[in-house]
Protein backbone atom coordinates (compact mmCIF):
# COMPACT_ATOMS: atom_id res chain seq x y z
CA UNK A 1 0.00 0.00 0.00
CA UNK A 2 2.91 2.34 0.76
CA UNK A 3 4.12 2.23 -2.86
CA UNK A 4 0.72 2.28 -4.58
CA UNK A 5 -0.05 0.38 -7.78
CA UNK A 6 2.79 -1.69 -9.25
CA UNK A 7 4.62 -0.27 -12.26
CA UNK A 8 4.82 -3.76 -13.77
CA UNK A 9 3.00 -7.01 -13.19
CA UNK A 10 3.36 -10.56 -14.52
CA UNK A 11 1.33 -13.68 -13.76
CA UNK A 12 2.20 -16.76 -15.80
CA UNK A 13 -1.08 -18.50 -14.89
CA UNK A 14 -3.07 -15.55 -16.28
CA UNK A 15 -0.88 -15.49 -19.40
CA UNK A 16 -1.60 -19.20 -20.00
CA UNK A 17 -5.35 -18.63 -19.61
CA UNK A 18 -5.20 -15.73 -22.09
CA UNK A 19 -3.48 -18.00 -24.65
CA UNK A 20 -6.29 -20.57 -24.24
CA UNK A 21 -8.97 -17.91 -24.74
CA UNK A 22 -7.14 -16.64 -27.82
CA UNK A 23 -6.81 -20.12 -29.38
CA UNK A 24 -10.48 -20.92 -28.65
CA UNK A 25 -11.59 -17.62 -30.14
CA UNK A 26 -9.47 -18.17 -33.26
CA UNK A 27 -10.83 -21.67 -33.81
CA UNK A 28 -14.42 -20.47 -33.30
CA UNK A 29 -13.82 -17.74 -35.88
CA UNK A 30 -12.86 -20.49 -38.36
CA UNK A 31 -16.19 -22.20 -37.74
CA UNK A 32 -15.00 -25.03 -35.49
CA UNK A 33 -17.78 -27.53 -34.89
CA UNK A 34 -19.72 -26.58 -38.02
CA UNK A 35 -19.97 -28.29 -41.41
CA UNK A 36 -18.09 -25.39 -43.00
CA UNK A 37 -15.22 -25.42 -40.52
CA UNK A 38 -11.86 -24.14 -41.77
CA UNK A 39 -10.13 -25.25 -38.55
CA UNK A 40 -7.09 -27.40 -39.30
CA UNK A 41 -5.61 -30.22 -37.26
CA UNK A 42 -2.72 -27.89 -36.38
CA UNK A 43 -5.19 -25.30 -35.03
CA UNK A 44 -6.84 -27.90 -32.82
CA UNK A 45 -3.47 -29.30 -31.72
CA UNK A 46 -2.32 -25.80 -30.72
CA UNK A 47 -5.51 -25.21 -28.74
CA UNK A 48 -5.06 -28.51 -26.91
CA UNK A 49 -1.40 -27.70 -26.21
CA UNK A 50 -2.18 -24.30 -24.66
CA UNK A 51 -5.05 -25.86 -22.70
CA UNK A 52 -2.61 -28.38 -21.14
CA UNK A 53 -0.16 -25.55 -20.38
CA UNK A 54 -2.93 -23.59 -18.67
CA UNK A 55 -3.81 -26.57 -16.49
CA UNK A 56 -0.14 -26.98 -15.55
CA UNK A 57 0.12 -23.25 -14.78
CA UNK A 58 -2.51 -23.61 -12.07
CA UNK A 59 0.04 -25.45 -9.92
CA UNK A 60 3.36 -24.25 -11.43
CA UNK A 61 3.47 -20.48 -11.88
CA UNK A 62 5.30 -17.22 -11.19
CA UNK A 63 3.80 -13.92 -10.06
CA UNK A 64 5.95 -10.79 -10.20
CA UNK A 65 5.13 -7.22 -9.28
CA UNK A 66 7.48 -4.23 -9.31
CA UNK A 67 7.33 -0.75 -7.85
CA UNK A 68 9.66 2.21 -8.29
CA UNK A 69 9.88 5.52 -6.52
CA UNK A 70 12.57 8.19 -6.33
CA UNK A 71 14.75 6.19 -3.92
CA UNK A 72 13.79 2.54 -4.07
CA UNK A 73 13.04 -0.20 -6.53
CA UNK A 74 10.92 -2.96 -5.02
CA UNK A 75 10.16 -6.36 -6.52
CA UNK A 76 7.79 -8.98 -5.12
CA UNK A 77 8.10 -12.42 -6.67
CA UNK A 78 6.10 -15.52 -5.85
CA UNK A 79 6.71 -19.00 -7.26
CA UNK A 80 4.65 -22.09 -6.89
CA UNK A 81 5.54 -25.54 -8.14
CA UNK A 82 3.81 -28.77 -7.22
CA UNK A 83 6.17 -29.36 -4.28
CA UNK A 84 7.48 -25.85 -3.47
CA UNK A 85 6.22 -22.37 -2.70
CA UNK A 86 8.42 -19.27 -2.40
CA UNK A 87 7.91 -15.59 -1.90
CA UNK A 88 10.70 -13.00 -2.13
CA UNK A 89 10.71 -9.28 -1.58
CA UNK A 90 13.72 -7.34 -2.92
CA UNK A 91 14.50 -3.73 -2.08
CA UNK A 92 17.17 -2.00 -4.16
CA UNK A 93 18.43 1.51 -3.62
CA UNK A 94 18.20 3.36 -6.94
CA UNK A 95 21.24 5.43 -5.89
CA UNK A 96 23.43 2.40 -5.12
CA UNK A 97 22.24 0.12 -7.92
CA UNK A 98 24.68 1.42 -10.59
CA UNK A 99 27.59 0.92 -8.18
CA UNK A 100 26.47 -2.58 -7.23
CA UNK A 101 26.51 -3.67 -10.87
CA UNK A 102 30.06 -2.36 -11.33
CA UNK A 103 31.23 -4.10 -8.17
CA UNK A 104 29.79 -7.39 -9.37
CA UNK A 105 31.63 -7.23 -12.70
CA UNK A 106 34.84 -6.16 -10.94
CA UNK A 107 34.58 -9.16 -8.61
CA UNK A 108 33.95 -11.50 -11.55
CA UNK A 109 37.01 -10.11 -13.37
CA UNK A 110 39.14 -10.54 -10.25
CA UNK A 111 37.93 -14.12 -9.79
CA UNK A 112 38.71 -14.89 -13.43
CA UNK A 113 42.25 -13.49 -13.01
CA UNK A 114 42.74 -15.71 -9.92
CA UNK A 115 41.63 -18.79 -11.86
CA UNK A 116 43.98 -17.94 -14.73
CA UNK A 117 46.87 -17.42 -12.29
CA UNK A 118 46.23 -20.82 -10.70
CA UNK A 119 46.29 -22.48 -14.13
CA UNK A 120 49.77 -21.08 -14.75
C-alpha atoms as a PDB file:
ATOM      1  CA  UNK A   1       0.000   0.000   0.000  1.00  0.00           C
ATOM      2  CA  UNK A   2       2.912   2.336   0.765  1.00  0.00           C
ATOM      3  CA  UNK A   3       4.120   2.230  -2.856  1.00  0.00           C
ATOM      4  CA  UNK A   4       0.717   2.280  -4.582  1.00  0.00           C
ATOM      5  CA  UNK A   5      -0.054   0.382  -7.783  1.00  0.00           C
ATOM      6  CA  UNK A   6       2.789  -1.695  -9.245  1.00  0.00           C
ATOM      7  CA  UNK A   7       4.620  -0.266 -12.255  1.00  0.00           C
ATOM      8  CA  UNK A   8       4.823  -3.755 -13.766  1.00  0.00           C
ATOM      9  CA  UNK A   9       3.003  -7.010 -13.193  1.00  0.00           C
ATOM     10  CA  UNK A  10       3.363 -10.559 -14.516  1.00  0.00           C
ATOM     11  CA  UNK A  11       1.326 -13.679 -13.755  1.00  0.00           C
ATOM     12  CA  UNK A  12       2.204 -16.764 -15.798  1.00  0.00           C
ATOM     13  CA  UNK A  13      -1.076 -18.495 -14.890  1.00  0.00           C
ATOM     14  CA  UNK A  14      -3.071 -15.549 -16.281  1.00  0.00           C
ATOM     15  CA  UNK A  15      -0.877 -15.494 -19.402  1.00  0.00           C
ATOM     16  CA  UNK A  16      -1.599 -19.197 -19.998  1.00  0.00           C
ATOM     17  CA  UNK A  17      -5.348 -18.631 -19.605  1.00  0.00           C
ATOM     18  CA  UNK A  18      -5.198 -15.733 -22.088  1.00  0.00           C
ATOM     19  CA  UNK A  19      -3.483 -18.003 -24.655  1.00  0.00           C
ATOM     20  CA  UNK A  20      -6.292 -20.571 -24.243  1.00  0.00           C
ATOM     21  CA  UNK A  21      -8.975 -17.915 -24.744  1.00  0.00           C
ATOM     22  CA  UNK A  22      -7.135 -16.637 -27.825  1.00  0.00           C
ATOM     23  CA  UNK A  23      -6.809 -20.120 -29.377  1.00  0.00           C
ATOM     24  CA  UNK A  24     -10.479 -20.923 -28.646  1.00  0.00           C
ATOM     25  CA  UNK A  25     -11.593 -17.623 -30.142  1.00  0.00           C
ATOM     26  CA  UNK A  26      -9.466 -18.173 -33.257  1.00  0.00           C
ATOM     27  CA  UNK A  27     -10.835 -21.674 -33.805  1.00  0.00           C
ATOM     28  CA  UNK A  28     -14.424 -20.472 -33.302  1.00  0.00           C
ATOM     29  CA  UNK A  29     -13.816 -17.742 -35.881  1.00  0.00           C
ATOM     30  CA  UNK A  30     -12.860 -20.486 -38.355  1.00  0.00           C
ATOM     31  CA  UNK A  31     -16.188 -22.201 -37.737  1.00  0.00           C
ATOM     32  CA  UNK A  32     -14.997 -25.029 -35.489  1.00  0.00           C
ATOM     33  CA  UNK A  33     -17.777 -27.532 -34.891  1.00  0.00           C
ATOM     34  CA  UNK A  34     -19.723 -26.582 -38.017  1.00  0.00           C
ATOM     35  CA  UNK A  35     -19.965 -28.286 -41.409  1.00  0.00           C
ATOM     36  CA  UNK A  36     -18.090 -25.388 -43.001  1.00  0.00           C
ATOM     37  CA  UNK A  37     -15.218 -25.420 -40.519  1.00  0.00           C
ATOM     38  CA  UNK A  38     -11.860 -24.140 -41.766  1.00  0.00           C
ATOM     39  CA  UNK A  39     -10.133 -25.253 -38.549  1.00  0.00           C
ATOM     40  CA  UNK A  40      -7.086 -27.398 -39.300  1.00  0.00           C
ATOM     41  CA  UNK A  41      -5.610 -30.224 -37.261  1.00  0.00           C
ATOM     42  CA  UNK A  42      -2.722 -27.887 -36.385  1.00  0.00           C
ATOM     43  CA  UNK A  43      -5.188 -25.299 -35.034  1.00  0.00           C
ATOM     44  CA  UNK A  44      -6.845 -27.905 -32.824  1.00  0.00           C
ATOM     45  CA  UNK A  45      -3.470 -29.298 -31.716  1.00  0.00           C
ATOM     46  CA  UNK A  46      -2.323 -25.796 -30.720  1.00  0.00           C
ATOM     47  CA  UNK A  47      -5.514 -25.208 -28.737  1.00  0.00           C
ATOM     48  CA  UNK A  48      -5.056 -28.513 -26.915  1.00  0.00           C
ATOM     49  CA  UNK A  49      -1.400 -27.697 -26.206  1.00  0.00           C
ATOM     50  CA  UNK A  50      -2.179 -24.305 -24.656  1.00  0.00           C
ATOM     51  CA  UNK A  51      -5.050 -25.861 -22.702  1.00  0.00           C
ATOM     52  CA  UNK A  52      -2.610 -28.380 -21.136  1.00  0.00           C
ATOM     53  CA  UNK A  53      -0.157 -25.547 -20.384  1.00  0.00           C
ATOM     54  CA  UNK A  54      -2.931 -23.586 -18.672  1.00  0.00           C
ATOM     55  CA  UNK A  55      -3.807 -26.569 -16.492  1.00  0.00           C
ATOM     56  CA  UNK A  56      -0.139 -26.979 -15.552  1.00  0.00           C
ATOM     57  CA  UNK A  57       0.123 -23.251 -14.784  1.00  0.00           C
ATOM     58  CA  UNK A  58      -2.511 -23.610 -12.069  1.00  0.00           C
ATOM     59  CA  UNK A  59       0.045 -25.445  -9.916  1.00  0.00           C
ATOM     60  CA  UNK A  60       3.358 -24.248 -11.431  1.00  0.00           C
ATOM     61  CA  UNK A  61       3.469 -20.480 -11.876  1.00  0.00           C
ATOM     62  CA  UNK A  62       5.301 -17.220 -11.192  1.00  0.00           C
ATOM     63  CA  UNK A  63       3.803 -13.921 -10.062  1.00  0.00           C
ATOM     64  CA  UNK A  64       5.953 -10.786 -10.200  1.00  0.00           C
ATOM     65  CA  UNK A  65       5.127  -7.218  -9.285  1.00  0.00           C
ATOM     66  CA  UNK A  66       7.480  -4.233  -9.306  1.00  0.00           C
ATOM     67  CA  UNK A  67       7.330  -0.752  -7.847  1.00  0.00           C
ATOM     68  CA  UNK A  68       9.660   2.205  -8.288  1.00  0.00           C
ATOM     69  CA  UNK A  69       9.876   5.515  -6.518  1.00  0.00           C
ATOM     70  CA  UNK A  70      12.575   8.185  -6.332  1.00  0.00           C
ATOM     71  CA  UNK A  71      14.747   6.193  -3.923  1.00  0.00           C
ATOM     72  CA  UNK A  72      13.786   2.540  -4.070  1.00  0.00           C
ATOM     73  CA  UNK A  73      13.037  -0.196  -6.534  1.00  0.00           C
ATOM     74  CA  UNK A  74      10.923  -2.961  -5.019  1.00  0.00           C
ATOM     75  CA  UNK A  75      10.156  -6.361  -6.523  1.00  0.00           C
ATOM     76  CA  UNK A  76       7.794  -8.976  -5.123  1.00  0.00           C
ATOM     77  CA  UNK A  77       8.099 -12.422  -6.675  1.00  0.00           C
ATOM     78  CA  UNK A  78       6.102 -15.523  -5.850  1.00  0.00           C
ATOM     79  CA  UNK A  79       6.711 -19.002  -7.256  1.00  0.00           C
ATOM     80  CA  UNK A  80       4.652 -22.093  -6.893  1.00  0.00           C
ATOM     81  CA  UNK A  81       5.545 -25.538  -8.138  1.00  0.00           C
ATOM     82  CA  UNK A  82       3.807 -28.768  -7.224  1.00  0.00           C
ATOM     83  CA  UNK A  83       6.173 -29.364  -4.279  1.00  0.00           C
ATOM     84  CA  UNK A  84       7.480 -25.849  -3.473  1.00  0.00           C
ATOM     85  CA  UNK A  85       6.216 -22.365  -2.700  1.00  0.00           C
ATOM     86  CA  UNK A  86       8.425 -19.274  -2.404  1.00  0.00           C
ATOM     87  CA  UNK A  87       7.909 -15.588  -1.896  1.00  0.00           C
ATOM     88  CA  UNK A  88      10.703 -12.999  -2.127  1.00  0.00           C
ATOM     89  CA  UNK A  89      10.710  -9.282  -1.575  1.00  0.00           C
ATOM     90  CA  UNK A  90      13.716  -7.344  -2.916  1.00  0.00           C
ATOM     91  CA  UNK A  91      14.495  -3.731  -2.084  1.00  0.00           C
ATOM     92  CA  UNK A  92      17.175  -2.002  -4.160  1.00  0.00           C
ATOM     93  CA  UNK A  93      18.435   1.510  -3.624  1.00  0.00           C
ATOM     94  CA  UNK A  94      18.201   3.360  -6.937  1.00  0.00           C
ATOM     95  CA  UNK A  95      21.239   5.428  -5.891  1.00  0.00           C
ATOM     96  CA  UNK A  96      23.432   2.403  -5.121  1.00  0.00           C
ATOM     97  CA  UNK A  97      22.236   0.115  -7.924  1.00  0.00           C
ATOM     98  CA  UNK A  98      24.684   1.421 -10.592  1.00  0.00           C
ATOM     99  CA  UNK A  99      27.586   0.920  -8.184  1.00  0.00           C
ATOM    100  CA  UNK A 100      26.466  -2.576  -7.227  1.00  0.00           C
ATOM    101  CA  UNK A 101      26.507  -3.671 -10.871  1.00  0.00           C
ATOM    102  CA  UNK A 102      30.062  -2.355 -11.326  1.00  0.00           C
ATOM    103  CA  UNK A 103      31.233  -4.101  -8.165  1.00  0.00           C
ATOM    104  CA  UNK A 104      29.786  -7.392  -9.367  1.00  0.00           C
ATOM    105  CA  UNK A 105      31.628  -7.228 -12.698  1.00  0.00           C
ATOM    106  CA  UNK A 106      34.835  -6.157 -10.942  1.00  0.00           C
ATOM    107  CA  UNK A 107      34.585  -9.165  -8.608  1.00  0.00           C
ATOM    108  CA  UNK A 108      33.947 -11.496 -11.545  1.00  0.00           C
ATOM    109  CA  UNK A 109      37.007 -10.114 -13.372  1.00  0.00           C
ATOM    110  CA  UNK A 110      39.144 -10.542 -10.247  1.00  0.00           C
ATOM    111  CA  UNK A 111      37.926 -14.123  -9.793  1.00  0.00           C
ATOM    112  CA  UNK A 112      38.713 -14.888 -13.430  1.00  0.00           C
ATOM    113  CA  UNK A 113      42.247 -13.493 -13.009  1.00  0.00           C
ATOM    114  CA  UNK A 114      42.743 -15.706  -9.920  1.00  0.00           C
ATOM    115  CA  UNK A 115      41.632 -18.787 -11.857  1.00  0.00           C
ATOM    116  CA  UNK A 116      43.983 -17.944 -14.729  1.00  0.00           C
ATOM    117  CA  UNK A 117      46.871 -17.417 -12.286  1.00  0.00           C
ATOM    118  CA  UNK A 118      46.227 -20.819 -10.701  1.00  0.00           C
ATOM    119  CA  UNK A 119      46.291 -22.479 -14.131  1.00  0.00           C
ATOM    120  CA  UNK A 120      49.773 -21.078 -14.751  1.00  0.00           C
END
